[in-house]
C-alpha atoms as a PDB file:
ATOM      1  CA  MET A   1     147.004  54.589  89.439  1.00  0.00           C
ATOM      2  CA  MET A   2     143.233  54.698  89.382  1.00  0.00           C
ATOM      3  CA  GLY A   3     141.278  56.748  91.873  1.00  0.00           C
ATOM      4  CA  SER A   4     138.493  59.275  92.310  1.00  0.00           C
ATOM      5  CA  LEU A   5     137.434  61.227  89.231  1.00  0.00           C
ATOM      6  CA  TYR A   6     136.456  64.316  91.144  1.00  0.00           C
ATOM      7  CA  ASP A   7     138.046  66.668  93.633  1.00  0.00           C
ATOM      8  CA  GLU A   8     136.046  67.853  96.637  1.00  0.00           C
ATOM      9  CA  ALA A   9     134.883  71.027  94.883  1.00  0.00           C
ATOM     10  CA  THR A  10     133.402  69.036  91.987  1.00  0.00           C
ATOM     11  CA  ARG A  11     131.815  66.528  94.341  1.00  0.00           C
ATOM     12  CA  GLY A  12     130.247  69.432  96.192  1.00  0.00           C
ATOM     13  CA  TYR A  13     128.892  70.805  92.938  1.00  0.00           C
ATOM     14  CA  TYR A  14     127.095  67.568  92.077  1.00  0.00           C
ATOM     15  CA  ALA A  15     125.770  67.162  95.602  1.00  0.00           C
ATOM     16  CA  GLN A  16     124.401  70.691  95.469  1.00  0.00           C
ATOM     17  CA  ARG A  17     123.049  70.294  91.945  1.00  0.00           C
ATOM     18  CA  ALA A  18     121.149  67.049  92.562  1.00  0.00           C
ATOM     19  CA  ALA A  19     117.852  68.702  93.495  1.00  0.00           C
ATOM     20  CA  GLU A  20     117.875  70.843  90.347  1.00  0.00           C
ATOM     21  CA  TYR A  21     119.658  68.485  87.934  1.00  0.00           C
ATOM     22  CA  ASP A  22     116.505  67.539  86.020  1.00  0.00           C
ATOM     23  CA  ASP A  23     115.911  71.213  85.178  1.00  0.00           C
ATOM     24  CA  TRP A  24     118.597  70.699  82.511  1.00  0.00           C
ATOM     25  CA  TRP A  25     116.703  67.809  80.940  1.00  0.00           C
ATOM     26  CA  LEU A  26     113.246  69.365  81.273  1.00  0.00           C
ATOM     27  CA  GLY A  27     114.034  72.989  80.416  1.00  0.00           C
ATOM     28  CA  THR A  28     112.813  74.294  83.758  1.00  0.00           C
ATOM     29  CA  GLY A  29     114.418  76.494  86.437  1.00  0.00           C
ATOM     30  CA  LEU A  30     117.413  78.418  85.113  1.00  0.00           C
ATOM     31  CA  PHE A  31     117.080  76.582  81.782  1.00  0.00           C
ATOM     32  CA  ALA A  32     113.555  77.862  81.096  1.00  0.00           C
ATOM     33  CA  GLN A  33     114.892  80.999  79.414  1.00  0.00           C
ATOM     34  CA  ARG A  34     117.511  79.267  77.262  1.00  0.00           C
ATOM     35  CA  ASP A  35     116.998  79.037  73.522  1.00  0.00           C
ATOM     36  CA  ARG A  36     117.481  75.346  72.743  1.00  0.00           C
ATOM     37  CA  PRO A  37     115.628  74.623  69.485  1.00  0.00           C
ATOM     38  CA  GLY A  38     114.898  70.926  69.054  1.00  0.00           C
ATOM     39  CA  TRP A  39     116.025  70.072  72.600  1.00  0.00           C
ATOM     40  CA  ASN A  40     112.764  68.496  73.772  1.00  0.00           C
ATOM     41  CA  GLU A  41     112.510  66.427  70.616  1.00  0.00           C
ATOM     42  CA  GLU A  42     116.041  65.073  71.058  1.00  0.00           C
ATOM     43  CA  VAL A  43     115.424  64.252  74.718  1.00  0.00           C
ATOM     44  CA  ALA A  44     112.320  62.321  73.650  1.00  0.00           C
ATOM     45  CA  THR A  45     114.422  60.486  71.064  1.00  0.00           C
ATOM     46  CA  LEU A  46     116.965  59.543  73.740  1.00  0.00           C
ATOM     47  CA  VAL A  47     114.236  58.227  76.031  1.00  0.00           C
ATOM     48  CA  ALA A  48     112.799  56.153  73.194  1.00  0.00           C
ATOM     49  CA  MET A  49     116.227  54.751  72.300  1.00  0.00           C
ATOM     50  CA  VAL A  50     116.968  53.780  75.901  1.00  0.00           C
ATOM     51  CA  SER A  51     113.541  52.163  76.217  1.00  0.00           C
ATOM     52  CA  ARG A  52     114.286  49.954  73.211  1.00  0.00           C
ATOM     53  CA  ILE A  53     117.519  48.503  74.611  1.00  0.00           C
ATOM     54  CA  PRO A  54     116.913  44.766  75.172  1.00  0.00           C
ATOM     55  CA  PRO A  55     116.380  43.716  78.807  1.00  0.00           C
ATOM     56  CA  VAL A  56     119.823  42.519  79.900  1.00  0.00           C
ATOM     57  CA  GLU A  57     122.092  43.000  82.906  1.00  0.00           C
ATOM     58  CA  VAL A  58     122.996  46.699  82.694  1.00  0.00           C
ATOM     59  CA  LEU A  59     125.363  48.899  84.669  1.00  0.00           C
ATOM     60  CA  ASP A  60     124.601  52.612  84.425  1.00  0.00           C
ATOM     61  CA  VAL A  61     127.724  54.516  85.489  1.00  0.00           C
ATOM     62  CA  ALA A  62     127.163  58.039  86.831  1.00  0.00           C
ATOM     63  CA  CYS A  63     123.406  57.561  86.732  1.00  0.00           C
ATOM     64  CA  GLY A  64     122.726  60.934  88.357  1.00  0.00           C
ATOM     65  CA  THR A  65     119.048  61.300  89.217  1.00  0.00           C
ATOM     66  CA  GLY A  66     118.140  58.309  87.063  1.00  0.00           C
ATOM     67  CA  PHE A  67     116.417  60.444  84.429  1.00  0.00           C
ATOM     68  CA  LEU A  68     117.418  58.008  81.660  1.00  0.00           C
ATOM     69  CA  THR A  69     118.177  55.038  83.926  1.00  0.00           C
ATOM     70  CA  ARG A  70     114.499  54.483  84.712  1.00  0.00           C
ATOM     71  CA  HIS A  71     113.871  53.665  81.047  1.00  0.00           C
ATOM     72  CA  LEU A  72     116.459  50.855  80.953  1.00  0.00           C
ATOM     73  CA  ARG A  73     114.972  47.376  81.076  1.00  0.00           C
ATOM     74  CA  GLY A  74     116.312  44.214  82.660  1.00  0.00           C
ATOM     75  CA  GLU A  75     118.396  43.982  85.821  1.00  0.00           C
ATOM     76  CA  VAL A  76     119.861  47.454  86.204  1.00  0.00           C
ATOM     77  CA  VAL A  77     122.556  48.570  88.632  1.00  0.00           C
ATOM     78  CA  ALA A  78     122.719  52.365  88.871  1.00  0.00           C
ATOM     79  CA  LEU A  79     126.088  53.643  90.122  1.00  0.00           C
ATOM     80  CA  ASP A  80     126.957  57.163  91.235  1.00  0.00           C
ATOM     81  CA  GLN A  81     129.397  58.727  93.697  1.00  0.00           C
ATOM     82  CA  SER A  82     126.780  61.243  94.864  1.00  0.00           C
ATOM     83  CA  THR A  83     124.411  60.086  97.604  1.00  0.00           C
ATOM     84  CA  GLU A  84     122.227  63.102  96.837  1.00  0.00           C
ATOM     85  CA  MET A  85     121.821  62.035  93.201  1.00  0.00           C
ATOM     86  CA  LEU A  86     121.233  58.403  94.200  1.00  0.00           C
ATOM     87  CA  ALA A  87     118.481  59.342  96.650  1.00  0.00           C
ATOM     88  CA  ILE A  88     116.483  60.729  93.722  1.00  0.00           C
ATOM     89  CA  ALA A  89     117.369  57.833  91.414  1.00  0.00           C
ATOM     90  CA  ALA A  90     116.297  55.287  94.034  1.00  0.00           C
ATOM     91  CA  GLU A  91     112.781  56.774  94.029  1.00  0.00           C
ATOM     92  CA  ARG A  92     112.555  56.142  90.285  1.00  0.00           C
ATOM     93  CA  LEU A  93     113.894  52.609  90.049  1.00  0.00           C
ATOM     94  CA  HIS A  94     112.083  49.428  90.979  1.00  0.00           C
ATOM     95  CA  PRO A  95     113.323  45.890  91.756  1.00  0.00           C
ATOM     96  CA  PRO A  96     115.275  44.109  90.437  1.00  0.00           C
ATOM     97  CA  SER A  97     117.030  47.407  89.671  1.00  0.00           C
ATOM     98  CA  ARG A  98     119.146  48.860  92.486  1.00  0.00           C
ATOM     99  CA  VAL A  99     121.411  51.812  93.240  1.00  0.00           C
ATOM    100  CA  VAL A 100     125.037  51.578  94.371  1.00  0.00           C
ATOM    101  CA  CYS A 101     127.158  54.400  95.759  1.00  0.00           C
ATOM    102  CA  GLY A 102     130.649  54.036  94.348  1.00  0.00           C
ATOM    103  CA  GLU A 103     133.404  55.280  92.077  1.00  0.00           C
ATOM    104  CA  ALA A 104     133.932  54.820  88.344  1.00  0.00           C
ATOM    105  CA  LEU A 105     137.679  54.351  88.758  1.00  0.00           C
ATOM    106  CA  PRO A 106     137.919  51.554  89.522  1.00  0.00           C
ATOM    107  CA  LEU A 107     134.444  50.111  89.055  1.00  0.00           C
ATOM    108  CA  PRO A 108     133.492  48.012  92.105  1.00  0.00           C
ATOM    109  CA  PHE A 109     132.297  45.009  90.083  1.00  0.00           C
ATOM    110  CA  LEU A 110     133.574  41.662  88.856  1.00  0.00           C
ATOM    111  CA  ASP A 111     135.013  40.952  85.415  1.00  0.00           C
ATOM    112  CA  GLY A 112     132.231  40.334  82.900  1.00  0.00           C
ATOM    113  CA  GLN A 113     129.490  40.960  85.451  1.00  0.00           C
ATOM    114  CA  PHE A 114     127.269  42.898  83.030  1.00  0.00           C
ATOM    115  CA  ASP A 115     126.042  42.551  79.464  1.00  0.00           C
ATOM    116  CA  LEU A 116     126.010  46.309  78.891  1.00  0.00           C
ATOM    117  CA  LEU A 117     127.633  49.352  80.447  1.00  0.00           C
ATOM    118  CA  PHE A 118     125.525  52.457  79.834  1.00  0.00           C
ATOM    119  CA  THR A 119     126.668  55.963  80.699  1.00  0.00           C
ATOM    120  CA  SER A 120     125.216  59.389  79.995  1.00  0.00           C
ATOM    121  CA  HIS A 121     127.276  62.561  80.264  1.00  0.00           C
ATOM    122  CA  LEU A 122     130.151  61.110  82.223  1.00  0.00           C
ATOM    123  CA  TYR A 123     132.688  60.462  79.479  1.00  0.00           C
ATOM    124  CA  GLY A 124     132.762  64.116  78.474  1.00  0.00           C
ATOM    125  CA  HIS A 125     133.903  65.096  81.974  1.00  0.00           C
ATOM    126  CA  LEU A 126     136.894  62.743  81.943  1.00  0.00           C
ATOM    127  CA  GLN A 127     140.309  64.262  81.415  1.00  0.00           C
ATOM    128  CA  ALA A 128     143.335  62.754  79.675  1.00  0.00           C
ATOM    129  CA  GLY A 129     144.359  59.552  81.404  1.00  0.00           C
ATOM    130  CA  GLU A 130     140.961  59.092  83.035  1.00  0.00           C
ATOM    131  CA  ARG A 131     139.357  58.337  79.676  1.00  0.00           C
ATOM    132  CA  GLU A 132     141.668  55.433  78.946  1.00  0.00           C
ATOM    133  CA  GLN A 133     141.256  54.081  82.465  1.00  0.00           C
ATOM    134  CA  PHE A 134     137.484  54.308  82.260  1.00  0.00           C
ATOM    135  CA  LEU A 135     137.292  52.494  78.923  1.00  0.00           C
ATOM    136  CA  ALA A 136     139.517  49.732  80.267  1.00  0.00           C
ATOM    137  CA  GLU A 137     137.248  49.368  83.285  1.00  0.00           C
ATOM    138  CA  ALA A 138     134.122  49.427  81.109  1.00  0.00           C
ATOM    139  CA  ARG A 139     135.463  46.636  78.927  1.00  0.00           C
ATOM    140  CA  ARG A 140     136.509  44.667  81.980  1.00  0.00           C
ATOM    141  CA  VAL A 141     133.040  44.539  83.544  1.00  0.00           C
ATOM    142  CA  ALA A 142     130.753  44.513  80.481  1.00  0.00           C
ATOM    143  CA  ALA A 143     130.583  43.023  77.011  1.00  0.00           C
ATOM    144  CA  ASP A 144     129.120  46.120  75.360  1.00  0.00           C
ATOM    145  CA  LEU A 145     129.315  49.869  75.919  1.00  0.00           C
ATOM    146  CA  LEU A 146     126.813  52.623  75.107  1.00  0.00           C
ATOM    147  CA  ILE A 147     127.684  56.283  75.634  1.00  0.00           C
ATOM    148  CA  VAL A 148     125.378  59.309  75.497  1.00  0.00           C
ATOM    149  CA  GLU A 149     127.215  62.626  75.253  1.00  0.00           C
ATOM    150  CA  SER A 150     126.894  66.296  74.361  1.00  0.00           C
ATOM    151  CA  ALA A 151     127.208  67.148  70.681  1.00  0.00           C
ATOM    152  CA  LEU A 152     129.815  69.603  69.432  1.00  0.00           C
ATOM    153  CA  ARG A 153     128.144  72.718  68.074  1.00  0.00           C
ATOM    154  CA  ASN A 154     129.445  75.942  66.565  1.00  0.00           C
ATOM    155  CA  ASP A 155     128.697  77.901  69.735  1.00  0.00           C
ATOM    156  CA  VAL A 156     130.693  75.688  72.136  1.00  0.00           C
ATOM    157  CA  ALA A 157     134.360  74.777  72.460  1.00  0.00           C
ATOM    158  CA  PRO A 158     135.389  71.167  71.864  1.00  0.00           C
ATOM    159  CA  GLU A 159     136.758  71.029  75.409  1.00  0.00           C
ATOM    160  CA  GLY A 160     137.654  73.236  78.336  1.00  0.00           C
ATOM    161  CA  TRP A 161     136.583  74.469  81.747  1.00  0.00           C
ATOM    162  CA  GLU A 162     133.037  75.810  81.924  1.00  0.00           C
ATOM    163  CA  GLU A 163     131.501  78.001  84.601  1.00  0.00           C
ATOM    164  CA  ARG A 164     128.224  76.592  85.903  1.00  0.00           C
ATOM    165  CA  THR A 165     125.751  78.635  87.949  1.00  0.00           C
ATOM    166  CA  LEU A 166     123.247  76.950  90.280  1.00  0.00           C
ATOM    167  CA  ASN A 167     119.878  78.216  91.466  1.00  0.00           C
ATOM    168  CA  ASP A 168     121.408  79.725  94.600  1.00  0.00           C
ATOM    169  CA  GLY A 169     123.789  81.806  92.487  1.00  0.00           C
ATOM    170  CA  SER A 170     126.897  79.793  93.347  1.00  0.00           C
ATOM    171  CA  ARG A 171     129.409  79.333  90.529  1.00  0.00           C
ATOM    172  CA  HIS A 172     131.457  76.235  89.787  1.00  0.00           C
ATOM    173  CA  ARG A 173     134.164  75.327  87.265  1.00  0.00           C
ATOM    174  CA  ILE A 174     133.594  71.992  85.486  1.00  0.00           C
ATOM    175  CA  TYR A 175     135.711  70.329  82.795  1.00  0.00           C
ATOM    176  CA  LYS A 176     133.635  69.419  79.730  1.00  0.00           C
ATOM    177  CA  ARG A 177     134.116  67.986  76.236  1.00  0.00           C
ATOM    178  CA  HIS A 178     131.661  68.076  73.324  1.00  0.00           C
ATOM    179  CA  PHE A 179     131.773  65.472  70.569  1.00  0.00           C
ATOM    180  CA  ARG A 180     131.190  64.878  66.915  1.00  0.00           C
ATOM    181  CA  ALA A 181     129.585  61.453  66.729  1.00  0.00           C
ATOM    182  CA  GLU A 182     132.089  59.894  64.324  1.00  0.00           C
ATOM    183  CA  GLU A 183     135.046  61.225  66.295  1.00  0.00           C
ATOM    184  CA  LEU A 184     133.655  59.713  69.505  1.00  0.00           C
ATOM    185  CA  ALA A 185     133.137  56.406  67.717  1.00  0.00           C
ATOM    186  CA  GLN A 186     136.769  56.430  66.583  1.00  0.00           C
ATOM    187  CA  GLU A 187     137.957  57.331  70.077  1.00  0.00           C
ATOM    188  CA  LEU A 188     136.129  54.294  71.428  1.00  0.00           C
ATOM    189  CA  GLY A 189     138.065  52.100  69.034  1.00  0.00           C
ATOM    190  CA  GLY A 190     135.510  51.788  66.269  1.00  0.00           C
ATOM    191  CA  GLY A 191     132.035  52.299  67.654  1.00  0.00           C
ATOM    192  CA  THR A 192     128.670  52.530  65.902  1.00  0.00           C
ATOM    193  CA  VAL A 193     126.877  55.886  65.785  1.00  0.00           C
ATOM    194  CA  LEU A 194     123.286  55.386  66.925  1.00  0.00           C
ATOM    195  CA  PHE A 195     122.295  59.051  67.056  1.00  0.00           C
ATOM    196  CA  ASP A 196     123.925  62.235  65.791  1.00  0.00           C
ATOM    197  CA  GLY A 197     121.890  65.270  66.808  1.00  0.00           C
ATOM    198  CA  ARG A 198     122.342  68.947  67.451  1.00  0.00           C
ATOM    199  CA  TRP A 199     122.425  68.435  71.221  1.00  0.00           C
ATOM    200  CA  PHE A 200     123.296  64.791  71.796  1.00  0.00           C
ATOM    201  CA  VAL A 201     125.300  61.963  70.271  1.00  0.00           C
ATOM    202  CA  VAL A 202     124.944  58.269  71.073  1.00  0.00           C
ATOM    203  CA  VAL A 203     127.627  55.711  70.266  1.00  0.00           C
ATOM    204  CA  ALA A 204     127.774  51.956  70.915  1.00  0.00           C
ATOM    205  CA  ALA A 205     131.040  50.053  71.114  1.00  0.00           C
END
């Protein structure tokens, strides 16, 4: 049976992290001291790729602060379960784009309502069972799927529970997977690898 992806502790983590979430993208805050060679270049590549997606009806699931969402063209619906994240995303998006507070399982939309379902760094947080449910929902509401995820590197585990520390010093346990691009494409049932970097992979299906 489908239901919420996150328990209350995880929801609290994302609510608390909203104000500092973009530090991860921008290399500021706690991320300023991290050694991430090539990170800024790959983020710029992602932004350019998203900007080139044709203007269609797009659903961005787990849009977060809208860091990438704002570069999508066309009629964009940005979905997230966190009102704190959506408050930031709403400042970045302009009509006809809009934000919706809701869950990914099930998606609160009609069959075939969108041309494209876009999601960045959600799929890697889904556990067994949730992944299959999410893909079924994605294919129900949209014709095409595009996933941005974290690349598997030698210094990270393919999957497991990670400890995350926020600016206030609080610590949180979050489930996370990292992907090789071709393996993610196969998992999606035969996707196309659009980007295979040190930090990010992008697959269309």
